[in-house]
Amino acid sequence: MFITLEGIEGSGKSTQIPAIAAHLEAMGHACVVTREPGGTEIGRRIRSVLLAPENTGMDATAELMLYGADRAQHVSEVIRPALDAGKIVICDRFCDSTVAYQGAARGIASGVIERLNEIVLGGLEPDLTFLLDLPAEAGLSRAWHQIASGDRHEKETRFEMEAITFHGKVRQGYLAIARRNKERIRVIAADAPRQEVTAAIIAQLDFIFFQNC
């Protein structure tokens, strides 16, 4: 099974993933936890370019292609081999991020993004996605607090530096994706306390796994 977590900056994806992995492993499932961008050594180099705050002048199409390059390497090197080995893959961001950020927020045509994903993914798509949703203002405030406290790297703040209107467009883009993919995407209210968010995700996981037993 391929599980992805999506959401705006500060939505809590990286906080929730260890709890998800621990729960599934306690159920007897082998898990691989990864992320985008940067799930491979090549991807980590691409990540440093994509997220560096000094790269504010990056062209939107260049940004899109860098994410595509990162994802192509990630799918080939990490995700497909793990799935072929019967493991559960849990990924912090995947192709929905591209639709929300480069599509809804940057304004790149959906047909361009769809074609790139066809080339990069070769038919692969998540089985289950948790969209951690909260207002853009709340997410961005959390993100900057985490940066100030050292929980997030200050050298990876290019997107946090975007205007609040950008983050609002990303959020609305995600919600539109969720409306189009109701079977795959479970929207979780991420402005609740962390333990409540975890409990909501675990409840959904248990329902899905027990339903499929």
N, C-alpha and C. Protein backbone atom coordinates (compact mmCIF):
# COMPACT_ATOMS: atom_id res chain seq x y z
N MET A 1 0.84 -1.21 0.00
CA MET A 1 0.00 0.00 0.00
C MET A 1 0.87 1.25 0.00
N PHE A 2 0.44 2.24 -0.72
CA PHE A 2 1.16 3.50 -0.85
C PHE A 2 0.30 4.60 -0.21
N ILE A 3 0.78 5.16 0.91
CA ILE A 3 0.06 6.18 1.67
C ILE A 3 0.82 7.50 1.57
N THR A 4 0.12 8.58 1.26
CA THR A 4 0.75 9.89 1.22
C THR A 4 0.05 10.84 2.18
N LEU A 5 0.83 11.81 2.66
CA LEU A 5 0.27 12.89 3.47
C LEU A 5 0.51 14.20 2.75
N GLU A 6 -0.54 15.01 2.70
CA GLU A 6 -0.47 16.28 2.01
C GLU A 6 -0.99 17.40 2.91
N GLY A 7 -0.65 18.62 2.55
CA GLY A 7 -1.14 19.77 3.29
C GLY A 7 -0.24 20.97 3.11
N ILE A 8 -0.74 22.13 3.50
CA ILE A 8 0.04 23.36 3.39
C ILE A 8 1.18 23.35 4.40
N GLU A 9 2.04 24.37 4.32
CA GLU A 9 3.12 24.49 5.29
C GLU A 9 2.54 24.55 6.70
N GLY A 10 3.16 23.82 7.63
CA GLY A 10 2.73 23.85 9.01
C GLY A 10 1.52 23.00 9.33
N SER A 11 1.11 22.15 8.40
CA SER A 11 -0.10 21.34 8.64
C SER A 11 0.16 20.13 9.54
N GLY A 12 1.43 19.79 9.76
CA GLY A 12 1.74 18.72 10.71
C GLY A 12 2.03 17.37 10.11
N LYS A 13 2.35 17.31 8.83
CA LYS A 13 2.60 16.02 8.17
C LYS A 13 3.77 15.28 8.81
N SER A 14 4.89 15.97 8.97
CA SER A 14 6.07 15.30 9.51
C SER A 14 5.87 14.90 10.97
N THR A 15 4.97 15.57 11.67
CA THR A 15 4.66 15.19 13.06
C THR A 15 3.83 13.92 13.11
N GLN A 16 2.91 13.75 12.18
CA GLN A 16 1.99 12.62 12.19
C GLN A 16 2.58 11.34 11.60
N ILE A 17 3.52 11.46 10.69
CA ILE A 17 4.04 10.27 10.00
C ILE A 17 4.65 9.24 10.95
N PRO A 18 5.47 9.62 11.94
CA PRO A 18 5.99 8.58 12.85
C PRO A 18 4.90 7.81 13.58
N ALA A 19 3.81 8.49 13.95
CA ALA A 19 2.71 7.81 14.63
C ALA A 19 2.01 6.83 13.70
N ILE A 20 1.86 7.22 12.44
CA ILE A 20 1.24 6.32 11.45
C ILE A 20 2.11 5.08 11.25
N ALA A 21 3.40 5.30 11.07
CA ALA A 21 4.32 4.17 10.85
C ALA A 21 4.34 3.24 12.05
N ALA A 22 4.39 3.82 13.25
CA ALA A 22 4.42 2.99 14.46
C ALA A 22 3.16 2.15 14.59
N HIS A 23 2.01 2.75 14.27
CA HIS A 23 0.74 2.03 14.37
C HIS A 23 0.69 0.87 13.37
N LEU A 24 1.11 1.12 12.15
CA LEU A 24 1.08 0.06 11.13
C LEU A 24 2.10 -1.04 11.43
N GLU A 25 3.25 -0.66 11.94
CA GLU A 25 4.25 -1.66 12.30
C GLU A 25 3.78 -2.51 13.47
N ALA A 26 3.05 -1.91 14.39
CA ALA A 26 2.48 -2.67 15.51
C ALA A 26 1.44 -3.67 15.02
N MET A 27 0.86 -3.39 13.86
CA MET A 27 -0.10 -4.31 13.25
C MET A 27 0.60 -5.39 12.44
N GLY A 28 1.93 -5.30 12.36
CA GLY A 28 2.69 -6.32 11.66
C GLY A 28 3.10 -5.98 10.25
N HIS A 29 2.96 -4.71 9.86
CA HIS A 29 3.30 -4.29 8.50
C HIS A 29 4.68 -3.64 8.46
N ALA A 30 5.48 -4.04 7.49
CA ALA A 30 6.77 -3.39 7.28
C ALA A 30 6.54 -2.08 6.54
N CYS A 31 7.13 -1.00 7.05
CA CYS A 31 6.89 0.33 6.47
C CYS A 31 8.19 0.99 6.02
N VAL A 32 8.09 1.76 4.96
CA VAL A 32 9.16 2.63 4.50
C VAL A 32 8.63 4.05 4.56
N VAL A 33 9.32 4.91 5.30
CA VAL A 33 8.93 6.31 5.43
C VAL A 33 9.86 7.16 4.57
N THR A 34 9.29 8.03 3.76
CA THR A 34 10.09 8.85 2.86
C THR A 34 9.42 10.20 2.66
N ARG A 35 10.02 11.04 1.81
CA ARG A 35 9.48 12.39 1.64
C ARG A 35 9.83 12.95 0.27
N GLU A 36 9.10 13.99 -0.10
CA GLU A 36 9.42 14.76 -1.30
C GLU A 36 9.37 16.25 -0.97
N PRO A 37 10.31 17.01 -1.53
CA PRO A 37 11.48 16.52 -2.25
C PRO A 37 12.53 16.00 -1.28
N GLY A 38 13.45 15.18 -1.80
CA GLY A 38 14.59 14.76 -1.00
C GLY A 38 14.58 13.35 -0.46
N GLY A 39 13.84 12.45 -1.11
CA GLY A 39 13.79 11.08 -0.63
C GLY A 39 14.95 10.21 -1.09
N THR A 40 15.84 10.76 -1.89
CA THR A 40 17.03 10.06 -2.36
C THR A 40 18.22 11.01 -2.24
N GLU A 41 19.42 10.51 -2.47
CA GLU A 41 20.60 11.38 -2.40
C GLU A 41 20.52 12.45 -3.49
N ILE A 42 20.16 12.05 -4.70
CA ILE A 42 19.99 13.03 -5.77
C ILE A 42 18.87 14.00 -5.40
N GLY A 43 17.80 13.47 -4.86
CA GLY A 43 16.68 14.31 -4.45
C GLY A 43 17.06 15.31 -3.37
N ARG A 44 17.96 14.94 -2.47
CA ARG A 44 18.37 15.89 -1.43
C ARG A 44 19.10 17.08 -2.03
N ARG A 45 19.85 16.83 -3.10
CA ARG A 45 20.52 17.94 -3.78
C ARG A 45 19.50 18.84 -4.48
N ILE A 46 18.50 18.23 -5.08
CA ILE A 46 17.44 19.01 -5.72
C ILE A 46 16.67 19.80 -4.66
N ARG A 47 16.41 19.18 -3.52
CA ARG A 47 15.68 19.84 -2.43
C ARG A 47 16.40 21.12 -1.99
N SER A 48 17.71 21.05 -1.90
CA SER A 48 18.47 22.21 -1.45
C SER A 48 18.29 23.40 -2.40
N VAL A 49 18.06 23.12 -3.68
CA VAL A 49 17.81 24.18 -4.65
C VAL A 49 16.37 24.67 -4.53
N LEU A 50 15.45 23.75 -4.46
CA LEU A 50 14.02 24.11 -4.44
C LEU A 50 13.62 24.92 -3.22
N LEU A 51 14.20 24.62 -2.07
CA LEU A 51 13.72 25.22 -0.83
C LEU A 51 14.61 26.34 -0.30
N ALA A 52 15.74 26.59 -0.94
CA ALA A 52 16.64 27.64 -0.47
C ALA A 52 15.99 29.02 -0.59
N PRO A 53 15.94 29.80 0.47
CA PRO A 53 15.24 31.09 0.43
C PRO A 53 15.85 32.09 -0.54
N GLU A 54 17.13 31.92 -0.89
CA GLU A 54 17.74 32.86 -1.82
C GLU A 54 17.29 32.65 -3.27
N ASN A 55 16.60 31.54 -3.54
CA ASN A 55 16.17 31.23 -4.91
C ASN A 55 14.77 31.76 -5.20
N THR A 56 14.50 32.97 -4.79
CA THR A 56 13.16 33.54 -4.96
C THR A 56 12.83 33.82 -6.43
N GLY A 57 13.85 33.94 -7.26
CA GLY A 57 13.60 34.24 -8.66
C GLY A 57 13.38 33.04 -9.54
N MET A 58 13.19 31.86 -8.95
CA MET A 58 13.04 30.65 -9.74
C MET A 58 11.78 30.71 -10.61
N ASP A 59 11.95 30.38 -11.88
CA ASP A 59 10.83 30.32 -12.80
C ASP A 59 9.88 29.18 -12.41
N ALA A 60 8.58 29.40 -12.56
CA ALA A 60 7.60 28.40 -12.16
C ALA A 60 7.77 27.09 -12.92
N THR A 61 8.09 27.17 -14.20
CA THR A 61 8.28 25.95 -14.98
C THR A 61 9.56 25.23 -14.56
N ALA A 62 10.61 25.99 -14.25
CA ALA A 62 11.83 25.37 -13.74
C ALA A 62 11.56 24.65 -12.42
N GLU A 63 10.76 25.29 -11.56
CA GLU A 63 10.37 24.67 -10.29
C GLU A 63 9.64 23.36 -10.53
N LEU A 64 8.69 23.40 -11.45
CA LEU A 64 7.92 22.20 -11.79
C LEU A 64 8.83 21.07 -12.26
N MET A 65 9.77 21.38 -13.14
CA MET A 65 10.65 20.36 -13.68
C MET A 65 11.59 19.78 -12.62
N LEU A 66 12.03 20.62 -11.70
CA LEU A 66 12.87 20.12 -10.61
C LEU A 66 12.10 19.15 -9.72
N TYR A 67 10.85 19.47 -9.44
CA TYR A 67 10.03 18.53 -8.67
C TYR A 67 9.81 17.24 -9.44
N GLY A 68 9.63 17.35 -10.76
CA GLY A 68 9.48 16.15 -11.57
C GLY A 68 10.73 15.28 -11.55
N ALA A 69 11.90 15.91 -11.62
CA ALA A 69 13.16 15.17 -11.58
C ALA A 69 13.33 14.47 -10.24
N ASP A 70 13.03 15.19 -9.16
CA ASP A 70 13.10 14.58 -7.83
C ASP A 70 12.18 13.38 -7.73
N ARG A 71 10.96 13.52 -8.24
CA ARG A 71 9.96 12.44 -8.13
C ARG A 71 10.34 11.23 -9.00
N ALA A 72 10.89 11.48 -10.17
CA ALA A 72 11.29 10.37 -11.04
C ALA A 72 12.34 9.51 -10.34
N GLN A 73 13.33 10.15 -9.75
CA GLN A 73 14.37 9.41 -9.03
C GLN A 73 13.80 8.70 -7.82
N HIS A 74 12.91 9.37 -7.13
CA HIS A 74 12.31 8.82 -5.91
C HIS A 74 11.48 7.58 -6.21
N VAL A 75 10.65 7.65 -7.24
CA VAL A 75 9.82 6.50 -7.62
C VAL A 75 10.70 5.33 -8.02
N SER A 76 11.71 5.59 -8.83
CA SER A 76 12.57 4.53 -9.33
C SER A 76 13.42 3.89 -8.23
N GLU A 77 13.96 4.73 -7.36
CA GLU A 77 14.95 4.25 -6.38
C GLU A 77 14.35 3.76 -5.08
N VAL A 78 13.24 4.37 -4.66
CA VAL A 78 12.70 4.08 -3.33
C VAL A 78 11.29 3.49 -3.37
N ILE A 79 10.35 4.18 -4.01
CA ILE A 79 8.95 3.82 -3.85
C ILE A 79 8.59 2.51 -4.53
N ARG A 80 8.89 2.38 -5.82
CA ARG A 80 8.54 1.13 -6.51
C ARG A 80 9.23 -0.09 -5.90
N PRO A 81 10.53 -0.03 -5.61
CA PRO A 81 11.17 -1.20 -5.00
C PRO A 81 10.53 -1.60 -3.67
N ALA A 82 10.16 -0.62 -2.86
CA ALA A 82 9.54 -0.94 -1.57
C ALA A 82 8.16 -1.57 -1.76
N LEU A 83 7.37 -1.02 -2.67
CA LEU A 83 6.05 -1.58 -2.94
C LEU A 83 6.16 -2.98 -3.52
N ASP A 84 7.13 -3.18 -4.41
CA ASP A 84 7.33 -4.50 -5.01
C ASP A 84 7.75 -5.53 -3.96
N ALA A 85 8.39 -5.06 -2.89
CA ALA A 85 8.81 -5.94 -1.80
C ALA A 85 7.69 -6.18 -0.79
N GLY A 86 6.51 -5.64 -1.05
CA GLY A 86 5.37 -5.86 -0.18
C GLY A 86 5.30 -4.95 1.03
N LYS A 87 6.07 -3.87 1.01
CA LYS A 87 6.08 -2.95 2.14
C LYS A 87 5.06 -1.83 1.94
N ILE A 88 4.65 -1.24 3.06
CA ILE A 88 3.82 -0.04 3.01
C ILE A 88 4.74 1.17 2.91
N VAL A 89 4.50 2.01 1.93
CA VAL A 89 5.27 3.24 1.77
C VAL A 89 4.44 4.41 2.29
N ILE A 90 5.03 5.20 3.18
CA ILE A 90 4.38 6.38 3.73
C ILE A 90 5.22 7.58 3.30
N CYS A 91 4.63 8.46 2.51
CA CYS A 91 5.40 9.55 1.91
C CYS A 91 4.85 10.91 2.30
N ASP A 92 5.73 11.78 2.76
CA ASP A 92 5.43 13.17 3.07
C ASP A 92 5.48 13.95 1.78
N ARG A 93 4.32 14.21 1.20
CA ARG A 93 4.10 14.88 -0.08
C ARG A 93 4.34 13.94 -1.26
N PHE A 94 3.52 14.15 -2.30
CA PHE A 94 3.70 13.41 -3.56
C PHE A 94 3.05 14.24 -4.67
N CYS A 95 2.44 13.60 -5.64
CA CYS A 95 2.00 14.31 -6.85
C CYS A 95 0.90 15.33 -6.59
N ASP A 96 0.09 15.16 -5.54
CA ASP A 96 -0.94 16.16 -5.24
C ASP A 96 -0.32 17.51 -4.90
N SER A 97 0.87 17.48 -4.30
CA SER A 97 1.55 18.73 -3.99
C SER A 97 1.82 19.54 -5.24
N THR A 98 2.20 18.85 -6.30
CA THR A 98 2.50 19.55 -7.56
C THR A 98 1.24 20.20 -8.12
N VAL A 99 0.13 19.51 -8.06
CA VAL A 99 -1.13 20.06 -8.55
C VAL A 99 -1.53 21.29 -7.74
N ALA A 100 -1.34 21.22 -6.40
CA ALA A 100 -1.74 22.32 -5.53
C ALA A 100 -0.78 23.51 -5.61
N TYR A 101 0.52 23.23 -5.54
CA TYR A 101 1.50 24.33 -5.48
C TYR A 101 1.80 24.91 -6.87
N GLN A 102 2.22 24.05 -7.78
CA GLN A 102 2.61 24.55 -9.10
C GLN A 102 1.39 24.80 -10.00
N GLY A 103 0.29 24.09 -9.75
CA GLY A 103 -0.92 24.29 -10.52
C GLY A 103 -1.79 25.39 -9.95
N ALA A 104 -2.45 25.11 -8.83
CA ALA A 104 -3.41 26.06 -8.26
C ALA A 104 -2.76 27.38 -7.85
N ALA A 105 -1.56 27.32 -7.27
CA ALA A 105 -0.92 28.54 -6.75
C ALA A 105 -0.04 29.24 -7.78
N ARG A 106 0.75 28.48 -8.54
CA ARG A 106 1.64 29.09 -9.52
C ARG A 106 0.93 29.37 -10.86
N GLY A 107 -0.14 28.65 -11.12
CA GLY A 107 -0.91 28.91 -12.33
C GLY A 107 -0.47 28.12 -13.55
N ILE A 108 0.33 27.08 -13.36
CA ILE A 108 0.72 26.24 -14.50
C ILE A 108 -0.49 25.41 -14.93
N ALA A 109 -0.71 25.30 -16.22
CA ALA A 109 -1.87 24.60 -16.76
C ALA A 109 -1.93 23.16 -16.28
N SER A 110 -3.14 22.71 -15.95
CA SER A 110 -3.30 21.35 -15.44
C SER A 110 -2.83 20.30 -16.43
N GLY A 111 -3.03 20.55 -17.73
CA GLY A 111 -2.59 19.59 -18.74
C GLY A 111 -1.10 19.38 -18.73
N VAL A 112 -0.33 20.43 -18.47
CA VAL A 112 1.13 20.32 -18.40
C VAL A 112 1.53 19.44 -17.22
N ILE A 113 0.91 19.69 -16.07
CA ILE A 113 1.23 18.91 -14.87
C ILE A 113 0.81 17.45 -15.04
N GLU A 114 -0.35 17.23 -15.61
CA GLU A 114 -0.82 15.86 -15.84
C GLU A 114 0.13 15.10 -16.75
N ARG A 115 0.62 15.75 -17.80
CA ARG A 115 1.54 15.09 -18.73
C ARG A 115 2.85 14.76 -18.04
N LEU A 116 3.36 15.69 -17.24
CA LEU A 116 4.60 15.42 -16.51
C LEU A 116 4.41 14.25 -15.55
N ASN A 117 3.29 14.23 -14.84
CA ASN A 117 3.05 13.12 -13.92
C ASN A 117 2.91 11.79 -14.66
N GLU A 118 2.32 11.80 -15.84
CA GLU A 118 2.24 10.58 -16.63
C GLU A 118 3.62 10.03 -16.95
N ILE A 119 4.52 10.92 -17.32
CA ILE A 119 5.90 10.52 -17.66
C ILE A 119 6.63 10.01 -16.44
N VAL A 120 6.51 10.74 -15.35
CA VAL A 120 7.28 10.44 -14.14
C VAL A 120 6.73 9.22 -13.39
N LEU A 121 5.41 9.11 -13.29
CA LEU A 121 4.80 8.10 -12.44
C LEU A 121 4.55 6.77 -13.14
N GLY A 122 4.36 6.80 -14.44
CA GLY A 122 4.11 5.54 -15.15
C GLY A 122 2.93 4.78 -14.61
N GLY A 123 1.88 5.49 -14.22
CA GLY A 123 0.68 4.83 -13.71
C GLY A 123 0.61 4.68 -12.21
N LEU A 124 1.70 4.96 -11.52
CA LEU A 124 1.70 4.84 -10.06
C LEU A 124 0.90 5.98 -9.43
N GLU A 125 0.07 5.66 -8.46
CA GLU A 125 -0.61 6.70 -7.69
C GLU A 125 -0.85 6.18 -6.28
N PRO A 126 -1.01 7.07 -5.32
CA PRO A 126 -1.24 6.62 -3.94
C PRO A 126 -2.53 5.82 -3.82
N ASP A 127 -2.52 4.88 -2.88
CA ASP A 127 -3.75 4.14 -2.56
C ASP A 127 -4.61 4.93 -1.58
N LEU A 128 -3.94 5.71 -0.74
CA LEU A 128 -4.63 6.44 0.32
C LEU A 128 -3.86 7.72 0.61
N THR A 129 -4.59 8.83 0.71
CA THR A 129 -3.96 10.11 1.01
C THR A 129 -4.70 10.78 2.16
N PHE A 130 -3.92 11.26 3.13
CA PHE A 130 -4.48 12.07 4.21
C PHE A 130 -4.14 13.53 3.91
N LEU A 131 -5.16 14.35 3.75
CA LEU A 131 -4.97 15.78 3.56
C LEU A 131 -5.18 16.45 4.90
N LEU A 132 -4.11 16.98 5.48
CA LEU A 132 -4.19 17.67 6.76
C LEU A 132 -4.53 19.13 6.47
N ASP A 133 -5.75 19.50 6.76
CA ASP A 133 -6.28 20.80 6.34
C ASP A 133 -6.43 21.76 7.51
N LEU A 134 -5.98 22.99 7.30
CA LEU A 134 -6.19 24.06 8.25
C LEU A 134 -6.04 25.39 7.52
N PRO A 135 -6.53 26.49 8.11
CA PRO A 135 -6.41 27.78 7.44
C PRO A 135 -4.96 28.14 7.16
N ALA A 136 -4.75 28.84 6.05
CA ALA A 136 -3.39 29.19 5.64
C ALA A 136 -2.66 30.00 6.70
N GLU A 137 -3.37 30.94 7.34
CA GLU A 137 -2.73 31.78 8.35
C GLU A 137 -2.22 30.94 9.52
N ALA A 138 -3.01 29.96 9.94
CA ALA A 138 -2.62 29.11 11.06
C ALA A 138 -1.43 28.23 10.69
N GLY A 139 -1.45 27.67 9.49
CA GLY A 139 -0.35 26.82 9.07
C GLY A 139 0.95 27.59 8.94
N LEU A 140 0.90 28.76 8.35
CA LEU A 140 2.10 29.55 8.16
C LEU A 140 2.65 30.02 9.50
N SER A 141 1.78 30.38 10.42
CA SER A 141 2.22 30.77 11.76
C SER A 141 2.94 29.62 12.46
N ARG A 142 2.39 28.43 12.35
CA ARG A 142 3.04 27.24 12.92
C ARG A 142 4.42 27.03 12.30
N ALA A 143 4.48 27.15 10.98
CA ALA A 143 5.74 26.89 10.27
C ALA A 143 6.83 27.84 10.73
N TRP A 144 6.51 29.12 10.83
CA TRP A 144 7.52 30.10 11.26
C TRP A 144 7.91 29.88 12.72
N HIS A 145 6.97 29.46 13.53
CA HIS A 145 7.30 29.14 14.93
C HIS A 145 8.28 27.97 14.99
N GLN A 146 8.04 26.96 14.15
CA GLN A 146 8.94 25.80 14.12
C GLN A 146 10.33 26.19 13.62
N ILE A 147 10.38 27.09 12.66
CA ILE A 147 11.67 27.56 12.15
C ILE A 147 12.42 28.32 13.24
N ALA A 148 11.70 29.20 13.94
CA ALA A 148 12.31 30.00 15.00
C ALA A 148 12.83 29.13 16.15
N SER A 149 12.12 28.03 16.42
CA SER A 149 12.51 27.15 17.52
C SER A 149 13.56 26.12 17.12
N GLY A 150 13.90 26.08 15.83
CA GLY A 150 14.90 25.13 15.36
C GLY A 150 14.36 23.79 14.95
N ASP A 151 13.03 23.62 14.99
CA ASP A 151 12.43 22.35 14.60
C ASP A 151 12.39 22.18 13.08
N ARG A 152 12.50 23.30 12.35
CA ARG A 152 12.58 23.25 10.90
C ARG A 152 13.78 24.05 10.46
N HIS A 153 14.36 23.65 9.32
CA HIS A 153 15.62 24.23 8.87
C HIS A 153 15.40 25.62 8.28
N GLU A 154 16.16 26.60 8.76
CA GLU A 154 16.02 27.97 8.26
C GLU A 154 16.52 28.12 6.83
N LYS A 155 17.26 27.13 6.33
CA LYS A 155 17.74 27.18 4.95
C LYS A 155 16.74 26.57 3.97
N GLU A 156 15.53 26.22 4.47
CA GLU A 156 14.49 25.64 3.62
C GLU A 156 13.19 26.43 3.74
N THR A 157 13.26 27.72 3.57
CA THR A 157 12.10 28.57 3.84
C THR A 157 11.57 29.31 2.61
N ARG A 158 11.92 28.85 1.41
CA ARG A 158 11.49 29.59 0.23
C ARG A 158 9.97 29.68 0.12
N PHE A 159 9.28 28.59 0.44
CA PHE A 159 7.82 28.62 0.33
C PHE A 159 7.18 29.37 1.50
N GLU A 160 7.76 29.27 2.68
CA GLU A 160 7.23 30.03 3.81
C GLU A 160 7.29 31.54 3.54
N MET A 161 8.22 31.96 2.72
CA MET A 161 8.37 33.38 2.41
C MET A 161 7.32 33.89 1.41
N GLU A 162 6.56 32.99 0.82
CA GLU A 162 5.51 33.41 -0.11
C GLU A 162 4.40 34.14 0.64
N ALA A 163 3.68 35.01 -0.08
CA ALA A 163 2.57 35.77 0.51
C ALA A 163 1.46 34.83 0.98
N ILE A 164 0.68 35.31 1.93
CA ILE A 164 -0.41 34.50 2.47
C ILE A 164 -1.42 34.14 1.38
N THR A 165 -1.57 34.98 0.38
CA THR A 165 -2.50 34.66 -0.72
C THR A 165 -2.04 33.41 -1.47
N PHE A 166 -0.73 33.23 -1.60
CA PHE A 166 -0.19 32.03 -2.24
C PHE A 166 -0.61 30.80 -1.45
N HIS A 167 -0.43 30.84 -0.15
CA HIS A 167 -0.76 29.67 0.69
C HIS A 167 -2.26 29.41 0.70
N GLY A 168 -3.05 30.48 0.60
CA GLY A 168 -4.50 30.29 0.49
C GLY A 168 -4.87 29.57 -0.79
N LYS A 169 -4.20 29.90 -1.88
CA LYS A 169 -4.44 29.22 -3.16
C LYS A 169 -4.04 27.75 -3.07
N VAL A 170 -2.92 27.47 -2.39
CA VAL A 170 -2.50 26.08 -2.22
C VAL A 170 -3.56 25.29 -1.47
N ARG A 171 -4.06 25.87 -0.37
CA ARG A 171 -5.09 25.18 0.41
C ARG A 171 -6.32 24.90 -0.44
N GLN A 172 -6.80 25.90 -1.16
CA GLN A 172 -7.97 25.70 -1.99
C GLN A 172 -7.70 24.68 -3.09
N GLY A 173 -6.49 24.67 -3.61
CA GLY A 173 -6.12 23.66 -4.60
C GLY A 173 -6.21 22.26 -4.04
N TYR A 174 -5.72 22.09 -2.82
CA TYR A 174 -5.80 20.78 -2.17
C TYR A 174 -7.26 20.35 -1.97
N LEU A 175 -8.08 21.26 -1.49
CA LEU A 175 -9.49 20.92 -1.24
C LEU A 175 -10.21 20.55 -2.53
N ALA A 176 -9.83 21.21 -3.63
CA ALA A 176 -10.42 20.86 -4.93
C ALA A 176 -9.99 19.46 -5.35
N ILE A 177 -8.73 19.12 -5.11
CA ILE A 177 -8.23 17.76 -5.41
C ILE A 177 -9.02 16.73 -4.59
N ALA A 178 -9.24 17.04 -3.32
CA ALA A 178 -9.96 16.12 -2.44
C ALA A 178 -11.39 15.89 -2.92
N ARG A 179 -12.02 16.95 -3.40
CA ARG A 179 -13.40 16.80 -3.91
C ARG A 179 -13.44 15.91 -5.15
N ARG A 180 -12.37 15.92 -5.94
CA ARG A 180 -12.33 15.09 -7.15
C ARG A 180 -11.91 13.66 -6.86
N ASN A 181 -11.38 13.41 -5.67
CA ASN A 181 -10.83 12.09 -5.35
C ASN A 181 -11.31 11.62 -3.97
N LYS A 182 -12.61 11.56 -3.81
CA LYS A 182 -13.18 11.28 -2.50
C LYS A 182 -12.86 9.87 -1.99
N GLU A 183 -12.66 8.93 -2.88
CA GLU A 183 -12.35 7.57 -2.44
C GLU A 183 -10.94 7.45 -1.90
N ARG A 184 -10.03 8.22 -2.46
CA ARG A 184 -8.61 8.12 -2.07
C ARG A 184 -8.24 9.07 -0.95
N ILE A 185 -8.77 10.27 -0.96
CA ILE A 185 -8.31 11.32 -0.06
C ILE A 185 -9.24 11.48 1.14
N ARG A 186 -8.65 11.40 2.34
CA ARG A 186 -9.39 11.63 3.58
C ARG A 186 -8.93 12.97 4.15
N VAL A 187 -9.85 13.91 4.28
CA VAL A 187 -9.51 15.23 4.81
C VAL A 187 -9.59 15.19 6.34
N ILE A 188 -8.49 15.59 6.97
CA ILE A 188 -8.39 15.59 8.43
C ILE A 188 -8.23 17.04 8.90
N ALA A 189 -9.04 17.44 9.86
CA ALA A 189 -8.92 18.80 10.42
C ALA A 189 -7.64 18.90 11.22
N ALA A 190 -6.67 19.66 10.70
CA ALA A 190 -5.34 19.71 11.31
C ALA A 190 -5.17 20.85 12.30
N ASP A 191 -6.22 21.64 12.51
CA ASP A 191 -6.12 22.72 13.50
C ASP A 191 -6.53 22.25 14.90
N ALA A 192 -6.82 20.97 15.03
CA ALA A 192 -7.11 20.36 16.33
C ALA A 192 -5.79 20.04 17.04
N PRO A 193 -5.82 19.75 18.35
CA PRO A 193 -4.59 19.33 19.04
C PRO A 193 -3.96 18.10 18.37
N ARG A 194 -2.65 17.99 18.47
CA ARG A 194 -1.91 16.94 17.77
C ARG A 194 -2.46 15.55 18.06
N GLN A 195 -2.77 15.26 19.33
CA GLN A 195 -3.26 13.94 19.69
C GLN A 195 -4.61 13.64 19.03
N GLU A 196 -5.44 14.65 18.88
CA GLU A 196 -6.73 14.44 18.23
C GLU A 196 -6.55 14.18 16.74
N VAL A 197 -5.59 14.87 16.13
CA VAL A 197 -5.31 14.63 14.71
C VAL A 197 -4.81 13.20 14.52
N THR A 198 -3.89 12.78 15.39
CA THR A 198 -3.38 11.41 15.32
C THR A 198 -4.51 10.40 15.46
N ALA A 199 -5.38 10.61 16.43
CA ALA A 199 -6.49 9.68 16.66
C ALA A 199 -7.41 9.60 15.45
N ALA A 200 -7.64 10.73 14.79
CA ALA A 200 -8.51 10.74 13.61
C ALA A 200 -7.88 9.95 12.47
N ILE A 201 -6.58 10.10 12.29
CA ILE A 201 -5.88 9.36 11.24
C ILE A 201 -5.88 7.87 11.53
N ILE A 202 -5.56 7.50 12.78
CA ILE A 202 -5.52 6.09 13.16
C ILE A 202 -6.88 5.44 13.00
N ALA A 203 -7.93 6.16 13.35
CA ALA A 203 -9.28 5.61 13.19
C ALA A 203 -9.57 5.31 11.73
N GLN A 204 -9.17 6.20 10.84
CA GLN A 204 -9.36 5.96 9.41
C GLN A 204 -8.54 4.77 8.94
N LEU A 205 -7.30 4.68 9.39
CA LEU A 205 -6.44 3.55 9.01
C LEU A 205 -7.04 2.23 9.46
N ASP A 206 -7.47 2.17 10.71
CA ASP A 206 -8.05 0.93 11.24
C ASP A 206 -9.28 0.52 10.44
N PHE A 207 -10.12 1.50 10.12
CA PHE A 207 -11.33 1.19 9.36
C PHE A 207 -10.97 0.61 7.99
N ILE A 208 -10.01 1.22 7.33
CA ILE A 208 -9.62 0.77 5.98
C ILE A 208 -8.98 -0.61 6.04
N PHE A 209 -8.05 -0.83 6.97
CA PHE A 209 -7.34 -2.10 7.01
C PHE A 209 -8.25 -3.23 7.46
N PHE A 210 -9.12 -2.99 8.45
CA PHE A 210 -10.02 -4.04 8.91
C PHE A 210 -11.09 -4.33 7.88
N GLN A 211 -11.47 -3.30 7.11
CA GLN A 211 -12.46 -3.48 6.05
C GLN A 211 -11.90 -4.39 4.95
N ASN A 212 -10.59 -4.30 4.74
CA ASN A 212 -9.95 -5.08 3.68
C ASN A 212 -9.47 -6.44 4.12
N CYS A 213 -9.64 -6.76 5.40
CA CYS A 213 -9.19 -8.06 5.90
C CYS A 213 -10.10 -9.19 5.39
